[in-house]
Amino acid sequence: MTVTLYGLPTCDTCKKARNWLTRFDVAHEFIDYRADPVPAPTLIVWAGKLGGWEKLVNKASTTWRTLLPQRKDPRSDPEWTLLLKEYPALIKRPVVVEGDDVTVGFTDNAFKKRFGK
């Protein structure tokens, strides 16, 4: 099964994850979610699989810190998806999808465990 990595091409963590997958011969596809936005229903599924929007959204980012206070309190799936459509950089990176499995972030140990390398 092919792994799909969602992120930003300039993100250092995404670059590390892509290099790791290439080094260990893990077939993968990279999708830049600024150039190819993730549909709202997919974002909702990801948030559900990760345990909520708090697990998908990077609240430590510069983008989050510069949001107006009223934008930092979405109360529904449509409000979250609208926010992420407007500010895709708020999505933690990378999002790794393999079949029904969805994770965020990259560490060498986590990838070794996940991909059995």
PDB file of N, CA and C in Angstrom:
ATOM      1  N   MET A   1       0.843  -1.174   0.000  1.00  0.00           N
ATOM      2  CA  MET A   1       0.000   0.000   0.000  1.00  0.00           C
ATOM      3  C   MET A   1       0.894   1.245   0.000  1.00  0.00           C
ATOM      4  N   THR A   2       0.538   2.214  -0.809  1.00  0.00           N
ATOM      5  CA  THR A   2       1.316   3.439  -0.908  1.00  0.00           C
ATOM      6  C   THR A   2       0.988   4.392   0.234  1.00  0.00           C
ATOM      7  N   VAL A   3       2.001   5.023   0.732  1.00  0.00           N
ATOM      8  CA  VAL A   3       1.871   6.018   1.786  1.00  0.00           C
ATOM      9  C   VAL A   3       1.694   7.378   1.124  1.00  0.00           C
ATOM     10  N   THR A   4       0.785   8.179   1.652  1.00  0.00           N
ATOM     11  CA  THR A   4       0.616   9.542   1.168  1.00  0.00           C
ATOM     12  C   THR A   4       1.016  10.488   2.280  1.00  0.00           C
ATOM     13  N   LEU A   5       1.904  11.396   1.947  1.00  0.00           N
ATOM     14  CA  LEU A   5       2.401  12.387   2.881  1.00  0.00           C
ATOM     15  C   LEU A   5       1.829  13.734   2.458  1.00  0.00           C
ATOM     16  N   TYR A   6       1.121  14.394   3.362  1.00  0.00           N
ATOM     17  CA  TYR A   6       0.562  15.718   3.088  1.00  0.00           C
ATOM     18  C   TYR A   6       1.368  16.737   3.877  1.00  0.00           C
ATOM     19  N   GLY A   7       1.741  17.811   3.230  1.00  0.00           N
ATOM     20  CA  GLY A   7       2.495  18.838   3.917  1.00  0.00           C
ATOM     21  C   GLY A   7       2.831  19.988   2.998  1.00  0.00           C
ATOM     22  N   LEU A   8       3.900  20.678   3.354  1.00  0.00           N
ATOM     23  CA  LEU A   8       4.376  21.805   2.564  1.00  0.00           C
ATOM     24  C   LEU A   8       5.799  21.493   2.092  1.00  0.00           C
ATOM     25  N   PRO A   9       6.101  21.761   0.830  1.00  0.00           N
ATOM     26  CA  PRO A   9       7.407  21.386   0.298  1.00  0.00           C
ATOM     27  C   PRO A   9       8.578  22.095   0.976  1.00  0.00           C
ATOM     28  N   THR A  10       8.345  23.250   1.574  1.00  0.00           N
ATOM     29  CA  THR A  10       9.422  23.996   2.236  1.00  0.00           C
ATOM     30  C   THR A  10       9.571  23.651   3.713  1.00  0.00           C
ATOM     31  N   CYS A  11       8.675  22.827   4.245  1.00  0.00           N
ATOM     32  CA  CYS A  11       8.704  22.453   5.658  1.00  0.00           C
ATOM     33  C   CYS A  11       9.851  21.475   5.919  1.00  0.00           C
ATOM     34  N   ASP A  12      10.736  21.826   6.869  1.00  0.00           N
ATOM     35  CA  ASP A  12      11.881  20.967   7.181  1.00  0.00           C
ATOM     36  C   ASP A  12      11.459  19.588   7.663  1.00  0.00           C
ATOM     37  N   THR A  13      10.409  19.511   8.473  1.00  0.00           N
ATOM     38  CA  THR A  13       9.945  18.215   8.976  1.00  0.00           C
ATOM     39  C   THR A  13       9.410  17.360   7.835  1.00  0.00           C
ATOM     40  N   CYS A  14       8.710  17.977   6.892  1.00  0.00           N
ATOM     41  CA  CYS A  14       8.216  17.233   5.727  1.00  0.00           C
ATOM     42  C   CYS A  14       9.378  16.721   4.883  1.00  0.00           C
ATOM     43  N   LYS A  15      10.407  17.546   4.726  1.00  0.00           N
ATOM     44  CA  LYS A  15      11.587  17.123   3.968  1.00  0.00           C
ATOM     45  C   LYS A  15      12.257  15.926   4.647  1.00  0.00           C
ATOM     46  N   LYS A  16      12.390  15.982   5.969  1.00  0.00           N
ATOM     47  CA  LYS A  16      12.996  14.868   6.707  1.00  0.00           C
ATOM     48  C   LYS A  16      12.175  13.591   6.528  1.00  0.00           C
ATOM     49  N   ALA A  17      10.853  13.719   6.619  1.00  0.00           N
ATOM     50  CA  ALA A  17       9.980  12.551   6.465  1.00  0.00           C
ATOM     51  C   ALA A  17      10.099  11.970   5.060  1.00  0.00           C
ATOM     52  N   ARG A  18      10.104  12.833   4.050  1.00  0.00           N
ATOM     53  CA  ARG A  18      10.220  12.357   2.669  1.00  0.00           C
ATOM     54  C   ARG A  18      11.566  11.683   2.442  1.00  0.00           C
ATOM     55  N   ASN A  19      12.630  12.276   2.971  1.00  0.00           N
ATOM     56  CA  ASN A  19      13.960  11.671   2.831  1.00  0.00           C
ATOM     57  C   ASN A  19      14.026  10.314   3.525  1.00  0.00           C
ATOM     58  N   TRP A  20      13.417  10.212   4.697  1.00  0.00           N
ATOM     59  CA  TRP A  20      13.406   8.955   5.433  1.00  0.00           C
ATOM     60  C   TRP A  20      12.695   7.884   4.615  1.00  0.00           C
ATOM     61  N   LEU A  21      11.534   8.211   4.078  1.00  0.00           N
ATOM     62  CA  LEU A  21      10.775   7.237   3.285  1.00  0.00           C
ATOM     63  C   LEU A  21      11.560   6.796   2.056  1.00  0.00           C
ATOM     64  N   THR A  22      12.223   7.729   1.410  1.00  0.00           N
ATOM     65  CA  THR A  22      13.036   7.399   0.236  1.00  0.00           C
ATOM     66  C   THR A  22      14.212   6.515   0.637  1.00  0.00           C
ATOM     67  N   ARG A  23      14.894   6.876   1.722  1.00  0.00           N
ATOM     68  CA  ARG A  23      16.067   6.119   2.184  1.00  0.00           C
ATOM     69  C   ARG A  23      15.711   4.665   2.504  1.00  0.00           C
ATOM     70  N   PHE A  24      14.505   4.453   3.064  1.00  0.00           N
ATOM     71  CA  PHE A  24      14.098   3.103   3.435  1.00  0.00           C
ATOM     72  C   PHE A  24      13.178   2.449   2.394  1.00  0.00           C
ATOM     73  N   ASP A  25      13.181   3.000   1.190  1.00  0.00           N
ATOM     74  CA  ASP A  25      12.425   2.435   0.062  1.00  0.00           C
ATOM     75  C   ASP A  25      10.948   2.214   0.377  1.00  0.00           C
ATOM     76  N   VAL A  26      10.330   3.180   1.039  1.00  0.00           N
ATOM     77  CA  VAL A  26       8.890   3.131   1.298  1.00  0.00           C
ATOM     78  C   VAL A  26       8.210   3.945   0.200  1.00  0.00           C
ATOM     79  N   ALA A  27       7.429   3.257  -0.631  1.00  0.00           N
ATOM     80  CA  ALA A  27       6.727   3.943  -1.717  1.00  0.00           C
ATOM     81  C   ALA A  27       5.796   4.994  -1.124  1.00  0.00           C
ATOM     82  N   HIS A  28       5.878   6.197  -1.660  1.00  0.00           N
ATOM     83  CA  HIS A  28       5.042   7.267  -1.128  1.00  0.00           C
ATOM     84  C   HIS A  28       4.770   8.331  -2.185  1.00  0.00           C
ATOM     85  N   GLU A  29       3.742   9.087  -1.894  1.00  0.00           N
ATOM     86  CA  GLU A  29       3.353  10.219  -2.726  1.00  0.00           C
ATOM     87  C   GLU A  29       3.319  11.435  -1.806  1.00  0.00           C
ATOM     88  N   PHE A  30       3.773  12.572  -2.298  1.00  0.00           N
ATOM     89  CA  PHE A  30       3.729  13.798  -1.510  1.00  0.00           C
ATOM     90  C   PHE A  30       2.694  14.744  -2.097  1.00  0.00           C
ATOM     91  N   ILE A  31       1.839  15.282  -1.240  1.00  0.00           N
ATOM     92  CA  ILE A  31       0.832  16.245  -1.684  1.00  0.00           C
ATOM     93  C   ILE A  31       1.023  17.541  -0.906  1.00  0.00           C
ATOM     94  N   ASP A  32       1.258  18.605  -1.644  1.00  0.00           N
ATOM     95  CA  ASP A  32       1.392  19.947  -1.082  1.00  0.00           C
ATOM     96  C   ASP A  32      -0.030  20.457  -0.835  1.00  0.00           C
ATOM     97  N   TYR A  33      -0.411  20.616   0.437  1.00  0.00           N
ATOM     98  CA  TYR A  33      -1.796  20.969   0.683  1.00  0.00           C
ATOM     99  C   TYR A  33      -2.099  22.452   0.516  1.00  0.00           C
ATOM    100  N   ARG A  34      -1.130  23.232   0.130  1.00  0.00           N
ATOM    101  CA  ARG A  34      -1.452  24.602  -0.322  1.00  0.00           C
ATOM    102  C   ARG A  34      -1.841  24.556  -1.791  1.00  0.00           C
ATOM    103  N   ALA A  35      -1.067  23.815  -2.592  1.00  0.00           N
ATOM    104  CA  ALA A  35      -1.327  23.721  -4.027  1.00  0.00           C
ATOM    105  C   ALA A  35      -2.529  22.832  -4.330  1.00  0.00           C
ATOM    106  N   ASP A  36      -2.754  21.824  -3.499  1.00  0.00           N
ATOM    107  CA  ASP A  36      -3.845  20.864  -3.699  1.00  0.00           C
ATOM    108  C   ASP A  36      -4.596  20.731  -2.372  1.00  0.00           C
ATOM    109  N   PRO A  37      -5.469  21.699  -2.049  1.00  0.00           N
ATOM    110  CA  PRO A  37      -6.132  21.712  -0.743  1.00  0.00           C
ATOM    111  C   PRO A  37      -6.882  20.418  -0.425  1.00  0.00           C
ATOM    112  N   VAL A  38      -6.829  20.044   0.838  1.00  0.00           N
ATOM    113  CA  VAL A  38      -7.499  18.838   1.314  1.00  0.00           C
ATOM    114  C   VAL A  38      -8.991  19.153   1.461  1.00  0.00           C
ATOM    115  N   PRO A  39      -9.870  18.324   0.893  1.00  0.00           N
ATOM    116  CA  PRO A  39     -11.311  18.578   1.010  1.00  0.00           C
ATOM    117  C   PRO A  39     -11.784  18.519   2.467  1.00  0.00           C
ATOM    118  N   ALA A  40     -12.788  19.327   2.773  1.00  0.00           N
ATOM    119  CA  ALA A  40     -13.330  19.415   4.133  1.00  0.00           C
ATOM    120  C   ALA A  40     -13.703  18.047   4.703  1.00  0.00           C
ATOM    121  N   PRO A  41     -14.392  17.173   3.942  1.00  0.00           N
ATOM    122  CA  PRO A  41     -14.740  15.861   4.513  1.00  0.00           C
ATOM    123  C   PRO A  41     -13.504  15.047   4.921  1.00  0.00           C
ATOM    124  N   THR A  42     -12.414  15.189   4.179  1.00  0.00           N
ATOM    125  CA  THR A  42     -11.179  14.479   4.525  1.00  0.00           C
ATOM    126  C   THR A  42     -10.586  15.035   5.812  1.00  0.00           C
ATOM    127  N   LEU A  43     -10.588  16.365   5.958  1.00  0.00           N
ATOM    128  CA  LEU A  43     -10.088  16.980   7.187  1.00  0.00           C
ATOM    129  C   LEU A  43     -10.883  16.503   8.397  1.00  0.00           C
ATOM    130  N   ILE A  44     -12.192  16.379   8.236  1.00  0.00           N
ATOM    131  CA  ILE A  44     -13.056  15.918   9.330  1.00  0.00           C
ATOM    132  C   ILE A  44     -12.703  14.477   9.710  1.00  0.00           C
ATOM    133  N   VAL A  45     -12.473  13.635   8.703  1.00  0.00           N
ATOM    134  CA  VAL A  45     -12.077  12.237   8.959  1.00  0.00           C
ATOM    135  C   VAL A  45     -10.734  12.207   9.685  1.00  0.00           C
ATOM    136  N   TRP A  46      -9.772  12.994   9.215  1.00  0.00           N
ATOM    137  CA  TRP A  46      -8.456  13.031   9.863  1.00  0.00           C
ATOM    138  C   TRP A  46      -8.590  13.436  11.319  1.00  0.00           C
ATOM    139  N   ALA A  47      -9.330  14.507  11.572  1.00  0.00           N
ATOM    140  CA  ALA A  47      -9.499  14.979  12.955  1.00  0.00           C
ATOM    141  C   ALA A  47     -10.107  13.879  13.816  1.00  0.00           C
ATOM    142  N   GLY A  48     -11.088  13.169  13.272  1.00  0.00           N
ATOM    143  CA  GLY A  48     -11.718  12.075  14.018  1.00  0.00           C
ATOM    144  C   GLY A  48     -10.739  10.953  14.323  1.00  0.00           C
ATOM    145  N   LYS A  49      -9.923  10.583  13.345  1.00  0.00           N
ATOM    146  CA  LYS A  49      -8.965   9.486  13.543  1.00  0.00           C
ATOM    147  C   LYS A  49      -7.837   9.874  14.502  1.00  0.00           C
ATOM    148  N   LEU A  50      -7.509  11.149  14.532  1.00  0.00           N
ATOM    149  CA  LEU A  50      -6.416  11.606  15.399  1.00  0.00           C
ATOM    150  C   LEU A  50      -6.876  11.899  16.821  1.00  0.00           C
ATOM    151  N   GLY A  51      -8.183  12.008  17.022  1.00  0.00           N
ATOM    152  CA  GLY A  51      -8.690  12.293  18.362  1.00  0.00           C
ATOM    153  C   GLY A  51      -9.172  13.716  18.548  1.00  0.00           C
ATOM    154  N   GLY A  52      -9.469  14.402  17.449  1.00  0.00           N
ATOM    155  CA  GLY A  52     -10.026  15.748  17.540  1.00  0.00           C
ATOM    156  C   GLY A  52      -9.189  16.778  16.803  1.00  0.00           C
ATOM    157  N   TRP A  53      -9.784  17.940  16.643  1.00  0.00           N
ATOM    158  CA  TRP A  53      -9.128  19.032  15.921  1.00  0.00           C
ATOM    159  C   TRP A  53      -7.842  19.480  16.613  1.00  0.00           C
ATOM    160  N   GLU A  54      -7.818  19.387  17.929  1.00  0.00           N
ATOM    161  CA  GLU A  54      -6.640  19.823  18.687  1.00  0.00           C
ATOM    162  C   GLU A  54      -5.400  19.023  18.273  1.00  0.00           C
ATOM    163  N   LYS A  55      -5.589  17.793  17.821  1.00  0.00           N
ATOM    164  CA  LYS A  55      -4.467  16.929  17.418  1.00  0.00           C
ATOM    165  C   LYS A  55      -4.010  17.219  15.986  1.00  0.00           C
ATOM    166  N   LEU A  56      -4.885  17.862  15.195  1.00  0.00           N
ATOM    167  CA  LEU A  56      -4.577  18.136  13.795  1.00  0.00           C
ATOM    168  C   LEU A  56      -4.040  19.547  13.586  1.00  0.00           C
ATOM    169  N   VAL A  57      -4.399  20.460  14.470  1.00  0.00           N
ATOM    170  CA  VAL A  57      -4.050  21.870  14.289  1.00  0.00           C
ATOM    171  C   VAL A  57      -2.841  22.242  15.144  1.00  0.00           C
ATOM    172  N   ASN A  58      -1.908  22.930  14.516  1.00  0.00           N
ATOM    173  CA  ASN A  58      -0.688  23.363  15.192  1.00  0.00           C
ATOM    174  C   ASN A  58      -0.913  24.729  15.846  1.00  0.00           C
ATOM    175  N   LYS A  59      -1.240  24.702  17.127  1.00  0.00           N
ATOM    176  CA  LYS A  59      -1.510  25.942  17.847  1.00  0.00           C
ATOM    177  C   LYS A  59      -0.230  26.629  18.327  1.00  0.00           C
ATOM    178  N   ALA A  60       0.911  26.017  18.073  1.00  0.00           N
ATOM    179  CA  ALA A  60       2.189  26.642  18.425  1.00  0.00           C
ATOM    180  C   ALA A  60       2.754  27.440  17.247  1.00  0.00           C
ATOM    181  N   SER A  61       2.068  27.411  16.118  1.00  0.00           N
ATOM    182  CA  SER A  61       2.595  28.045  14.909  1.00  0.00           C
ATOM    183  C   SER A  61       2.443  29.561  14.940  1.00  0.00           C
ATOM    184  N   THR A  62       3.275  30.203  14.150  1.00  0.00           N
ATOM    185  CA  THR A  62       3.181  31.651  13.979  1.00  0.00           C
ATOM    186  C   THR A  62       1.820  32.012  13.396  1.00  0.00           C
ATOM    187  N   THR A  63       1.338  31.212  12.469  1.00  0.00           N
ATOM    188  CA  THR A  63       0.036  31.475  11.853  1.00  0.00           C
ATOM    189  C   THR A  63      -1.055  31.516  12.914  1.00  0.00           C
ATOM    190  N   TRP A  64      -1.060  30.545  13.829  1.00  0.00           N
ATOM    191  CA  TRP A  64      -2.075  30.503  14.887  1.00  0.00           C
ATOM    192  C   TRP A  64      -1.961  31.745  15.788  1.00  0.00           C
ATOM    193  N   ARG A  65      -0.753  32.087  16.150  1.00  0.00           N
ATOM    194  CA  ARG A  65      -0.548  33.218  17.063  1.00  0.00           C
ATOM    195  C   ARG A  65      -1.002  34.537  16.456  1.00  0.00           C
ATOM    196  N   THR A  66      -0.978  34.653  15.123  1.00  0.00           N
ATOM    197  CA  THR A  66      -1.372  35.904  14.481  1.00  0.00           C
ATOM    198  C   THR A  66      -2.870  35.977  14.169  1.00  0.00           C
ATOM    199  N   LEU A  67      -3.598  34.897  14.407  1.00  0.00           N
ATOM    200  CA  LEU A  67      -5.044  34.925  14.172  1.00  0.00           C
ATOM    201  C   LEU A  67      -5.735  35.859  15.164  1.00  0.00           C
ATOM    202  N   LEU A  68      -6.820  36.450  14.711  1.00  0.00           N
ATOM    203  CA  LEU A  68      -7.650  37.233  15.622  1.00  0.00           C
ATOM    204  C   LEU A  68      -8.228  36.302  16.688  1.00  0.00           C
ATOM    205  N   PRO A  69      -8.425  36.789  17.909  1.00  0.00           N
ATOM    206  CA  PRO A  69      -8.920  35.924  18.994  1.00  0.00           C
ATOM    207  C   PRO A  69     -10.214  35.178  18.651  1.00  0.00           C
ATOM    208  N   GLN A  70     -11.131  35.818  17.958  1.00  0.00           N
ATOM    209  CA  GLN A  70     -12.395  35.157  17.627  1.00  0.00           C
ATOM    210  C   GLN A  70     -12.216  34.006  16.631  1.00  0.00           C
ATOM    211  N   ARG A  71     -11.123  34.015  15.858  1.00  0.00           N
ATOM    212  CA  ARG A  71     -10.857  32.920  14.916  1.00  0.00           C
ATOM    213  C   ARG A  71     -10.252  31.708  15.617  1.00  0.00           C
ATOM    214  N   LYS A  72      -9.752  31.888  16.832  1.00  0.00           N
ATOM    215  CA  LYS A  72      -9.095  30.804  17.556  1.00  0.00           C
ATOM    216  C   LYS A  72     -10.056  29.937  18.348  1.00  0.00           C
ATOM    217  N   ASP A  73     -11.351  30.125  18.139  1.00  0.00           N
ATOM    218  CA  ASP A  73     -12.336  29.366  18.908  1.00  0.00           C
ATOM    219  C   ASP A  73     -13.415  28.748  18.020  1.00  0.00           C
ATOM    220  N   PRO A  74     -13.001  27.968  16.983  1.00  0.00           N
ATOM    221  CA  PRO A  74     -14.017  27.311  16.156  1.00  0.00           C
ATOM    222  C   PRO A  74     -14.807  26.313  16.998  1.00  0.00           C
ATOM    223  N   ARG A  75     -16.103  26.255  16.792  1.00  0.00           N
ATOM    224  CA  ARG A  75     -16.954  25.399  17.621  1.00  0.00           C
ATOM    225  C   ARG A  75     -17.634  24.271  16.857  1.00  0.00           C
ATOM    226  N   SER A  76     -17.349  24.181  15.558  1.00  0.00           N
ATOM    227  CA  SER A  76     -18.001  23.134  14.764  1.00  0.00           C
ATOM    228  C   SER A  76     -17.052  22.687  13.653  1.00  0.00           C
ATOM    229  N   ASP A  77     -17.345  21.523  13.094  1.00  0.00           N
ATOM    230  CA  ASP A  77     -16.532  21.018  11.980  1.00  0.00           C
ATOM    231  C   ASP A  77     -16.483  22.022  10.825  1.00  0.00           C
ATOM    232  N   PRO A  78     -17.622  22.628  10.410  1.00  0.00           N
ATOM    233  CA  PRO A  78     -17.553  23.603   9.314  1.00  0.00           C
ATOM    234  C   PRO A  78     -16.656  24.807   9.639  1.00  0.00           C
ATOM    235  N   GLU A  79     -16.654  25.247  10.898  1.00  0.00           N
ATOM    236  CA  GLU A  79     -15.792  26.369  11.266  1.00  0.00           C
ATOM    237  C   GLU A  79     -14.318  25.960  11.218  1.00  0.00           C
ATOM    238  N   TRP A  80     -14.003  24.760  11.690  1.00  0.00           N
ATOM    239  CA  TRP A  80     -12.617  24.265  11.631  1.00  0.00           C
ATOM    240  C   TRP A  80     -12.167  24.115  10.178  1.00  0.00           C
ATOM    241  N   THR A  81     -13.016  23.519   9.345  1.00  0.00           N
ATOM    242  CA  THR A  81     -12.596  23.281   7.956  1.00  0.00           C
ATOM    243  C   THR A  81     -12.437  24.597   7.195  1.00  0.00           C
ATOM    244  N   LEU A  82     -13.276  25.583   7.487  1.00  0.00           N
ATOM    245  CA  LEU A  82     -13.139  26.896   6.853  1.00  0.00           C
ATOM    246  C   LEU A  82     -11.809  27.540   7.264  1.00  0.00           C
ATOM    247  N   LEU A  83     -11.477  27.448   8.541  1.00  0.00           N
ATOM    248  CA  LEU A  83     -10.222  27.994   9.048  1.00  0.00           C
ATOM    249  C   LEU A  83      -9.025  27.331   8.360  1.00  0.00           C
ATOM    250  N   LEU A  84      -9.063  26.012   8.226  1.00  0.00           N
ATOM    251  CA  LEU A  84      -7.947  25.286   7.606  1.00  0.00           C
ATOM    252  C   LEU A  84      -7.886  25.506   6.100  1.00  0.00           C
ATOM    253  N   LYS A  85      -9.026  25.774   5.493  1.00  0.00           N
ATOM    254  CA  LYS A  85      -9.030  26.108   4.068  1.00  0.00           C
ATOM    255  C   LYS A  85      -8.345  27.460   3.864  1.00  0.00           C
ATOM    256  N   GLU A  86      -8.632  28.392   4.761  1.00  0.00           N
ATOM    257  CA  GLU A  86      -8.028  29.719   4.696  1.00  0.00           C
ATOM    258  C   GLU A  86      -6.546  29.696   5.061  1.00  0.00           C
ATOM    259  N   TYR A  87      -6.192  28.886   6.044  1.00  0.00           N
ATOM    260  CA  TYR A  87      -4.831  28.841   6.577  1.00  0.00           C
ATOM    261  C   TYR A  87      -4.314  27.398   6.622  1.00  0.00           C
ATOM    262  N   PRO A  88      -3.977  26.820   5.462  1.00  0.00           N
ATOM    263  CA  PRO A  88      -3.536  25.419   5.455  1.00  0.00           C
ATOM    264  C   PRO A  88      -2.271  25.177   6.280  1.00  0.00           C
ATOM    265  N   ALA A  89      -1.478  26.216   6.518  1.00  0.00           N
ATOM    266  CA  ALA A  89      -0.267  26.041   7.319  1.00  0.00           C
ATOM    267  C   ALA A  89      -0.577  25.705   8.773  1.00  0.00           C
ATOM    268  N   LEU A  90      -1.836  25.826   9.185  1.00  0.00           N
ATOM    269  CA  LEU A  90      -2.230  25.458  10.550  1.00  0.00           C
ATOM    270  C   LEU A  90      -2.263  23.944  10.759  1.00  0.00           C
ATOM    271  N   ILE A  91      -2.322  23.188   9.676  1.00  0.00           N
ATOM    272  CA  ILE A  91      -2.366  21.728   9.790  1.00  0.00           C
ATOM    273  C   ILE A  91      -0.975  21.244  10.183  1.00  0.00           C
ATOM    274  N   LYS A  92      -0.913  20.411  11.230  1.00  0.00           N
ATOM    275  CA  LYS A  92       0.374  19.847  11.647  1.00  0.00           C
ATOM    276  C   LYS A  92       0.989  19.105  10.482  1.00  0.00           C
ATOM    277  N   ARG A  93       2.322  19.062  10.479  1.00  0.00           N
ATOM    278  CA  ARG A  93       3.013  18.467   9.339  1.00  0.00           C
ATOM    279  C   ARG A  93       4.050  17.453   9.800  1.00  0.00           C
ATOM    280  N   PRO A  94       4.227  16.460   8.931  1.00  0.00           N
ATOM    281  CA  PRO A  94       3.353  16.056   7.844  1.00  0.00           C
ATOM    282  C   PRO A  94       2.187  15.219   8.360  1.00  0.00           C
ATOM    283  N   VAL A  95       1.143  15.164   7.565  1.00  0.00           N
ATOM    284  CA  VAL A  95       0.063  14.206   7.820  1.00  0.00           C
ATOM    285  C   VAL A  95       0.415  12.987   6.976  1.00  0.00           C
ATOM    286  N   VAL A  96       0.462  11.825   7.617  1.00  0.00           N
ATOM    287  CA  VAL A  96       0.849  10.584   6.942  1.00  0.00           C
ATOM    288  C   VAL A  96      -0.376   9.682   6.887  1.00  0.00           C
ATOM    289  N   VAL A  97      -0.764   9.308   5.662  1.00  0.00           N
ATOM    290  CA  VAL A  97      -1.946   8.476   5.470  1.00  0.00           C
ATOM    291  C   VAL A  97      -1.540   7.203   4.742  1.00  0.00           C
ATOM    292  N   GLU A  98      -1.936   6.086   5.346  1.00  0.00           N
ATOM    293  CA  GLU A  98      -1.712   4.777   4.735  1.00  0.00           C
ATOM    294  C   GLU A  98      -2.972   3.973   4.979  1.00  0.00           C
ATOM    295  N   GLY A  99      -3.767   3.791   3.917  1.00  0.00           N
ATOM    296  CA  GLY A  99      -5.063   3.130   4.090  1.00  0.00           C
ATOM    297  C   GLY A  99      -5.934   3.956   5.013  1.00  0.00           C
ATOM    298  N   ASP A 100      -6.405   3.339   6.101  1.00  0.00           N
ATOM    299  CA  ASP A 100      -7.252   4.030   7.071  1.00  0.00           C
ATOM    300  C   ASP A 100      -6.451   4.651   8.214  1.00  0.00           C
ATOM    301  N   ASP A 101      -5.134   4.446   8.219  1.00  0.00           N
ATOM    302  CA  ASP A 101      -4.284   4.930   9.297  1.00  0.00           C
ATOM    303  C   ASP A 101      -3.823   6.360   9.011  1.00  0.00           C
ATOM    304  N   VAL A 102      -4.013   7.261   9.978  1.00  0.00           N
ATOM    305  CA  VAL A 102      -3.621   8.658   9.841  1.00  0.00           C
ATOM    306  C   VAL A 102      -2.792   9.054  11.059  1.00  0.00           C
ATOM    307  N   THR A 103      -1.616   9.625  10.808  1.00  0.00           N
ATOM    308  CA  THR A 103      -0.783  10.153  11.891  1.00  0.00           C
ATOM    309  C   THR A 103      -0.255  11.516  11.469  1.00  0.00           C
ATOM    310  N   VAL A 104       0.246  12.271  12.451  1.00  0.00           N
ATOM    311  CA  VAL A 104       0.874  13.551  12.143  1.00  0.00           C
ATOM    312  C   VAL A 104       2.270  13.583  12.753  1.00  0.00           C
ATOM    313  N   GLY A 105       3.142  14.337  12.090  1.00  0.00           N
ATOM    314  CA  GLY A 105       4.486  14.529  12.598  1.00  0.00           C
ATOM    315  C   GLY A 105       5.466  13.493  12.077  1.00  0.00           C
ATOM    316  N   PHE A 106       6.734  13.731  12.415  1.00  0.00           N
ATOM    317  CA  PHE A 106       7.791  12.812  12.014  1.00  0.00           C
ATOM    318  C   PHE A 106       8.833  12.718  13.110  1.00  0.00           C
ATOM    319  N   THR A 107       9.186  11.493  13.450  1.00  0.00           N
ATOM    320  CA  THR A 107      10.415  11.202  14.191  1.00  0.00           C
ATOM    321  C   THR A 107      10.961   9.920  13.601  1.00  0.00           C
ATOM    322  N   ASP A 108      12.260   9.778  13.665  1.00  0.00           N
ATOM    323  CA  ASP A 108      12.900   8.582  13.136  1.00  0.00           C
ATOM    324  C   ASP A 108      12.335   7.329  13.801  1.00  0.00           C
ATOM    325  N   ASN A 109      12.232   7.347  15.123  1.00  0.00           N
ATOM    326  CA  ASN A 109      11.745   6.166  15.850  1.00  0.00           C
ATOM    327  C   ASN A 109      10.299   5.839  15.514  1.00  0.00           C
ATOM    328  N   ALA A 110       9.458   6.858  15.418  1.00  0.00           N
ATOM    329  CA  ALA A 110       8.044   6.611  15.090  1.00  0.00           C
ATOM    330  C   ALA A 110       7.909   6.006  13.695  1.00  0.00           C
ATOM    331  N   PHE A 111       8.676   6.497  12.745  1.00  0.00           N
ATOM    332  CA  PHE A 111       8.610   5.949  11.392  1.00  0.00           C
ATOM    333  C   PHE A 111       9.172   4.534  11.357  1.00  0.00           C
ATOM    334  N   LYS A 112      10.254   4.264  12.099  1.00  0.00           N
ATOM    335  CA  LYS A 112      10.796   2.900  12.143  1.00  0.00           C
ATOM    336  C   LYS A 112       9.749   1.933  12.669  1.00  0.00           C
ATOM    337  N   LYS A 113       9.065   2.351  13.716  1.00  0.00           N
ATOM    338  CA  LYS A 113       8.020   1.500  14.304  1.00  0.00           C
ATOM    339  C   LYS A 113       6.861   1.321  13.329  1.00  0.00           C
ATOM    340  N   ARG A 114       6.419   2.406  12.737  1.00  0.00           N
ATOM    341  CA  ARG A 114       5.261   2.351  11.841  1.00  0.00           C
ATOM    342  C   ARG A 114       5.532   1.522  10.587  1.00  0.00           C
ATOM    343  N   PHE A 115       6.723   1.684  10.014  1.00  0.00           N
ATOM    344  CA  PHE A 115       7.023   1.028   8.743  1.00  0.00           C
ATOM    345  C   PHE A 115       7.915  -0.195   8.870  1.00  0.00           C
ATOM    346  N   GLY A 116       8.206  -0.608  10.094  1.00  0.00           N
ATOM    347  CA  GLY A 116       8.951  -1.837  10.336  1.00  0.00           C
ATOM    348  C   GLY A 116      10.356  -1.828   9.763  1.00  0.00           C
ATOM    349  N   LYS A 117      11.031  -0.715   9.866  1.00  0.00           N
ATOM    350  CA  LYS A 117      12.400  -0.601   9.295  1.00  0.00           C
ATOM    351  C   LYS A 117      13.443  -0.524  10.383  1.00  0.00           C
TER     352      LYS A 117
END
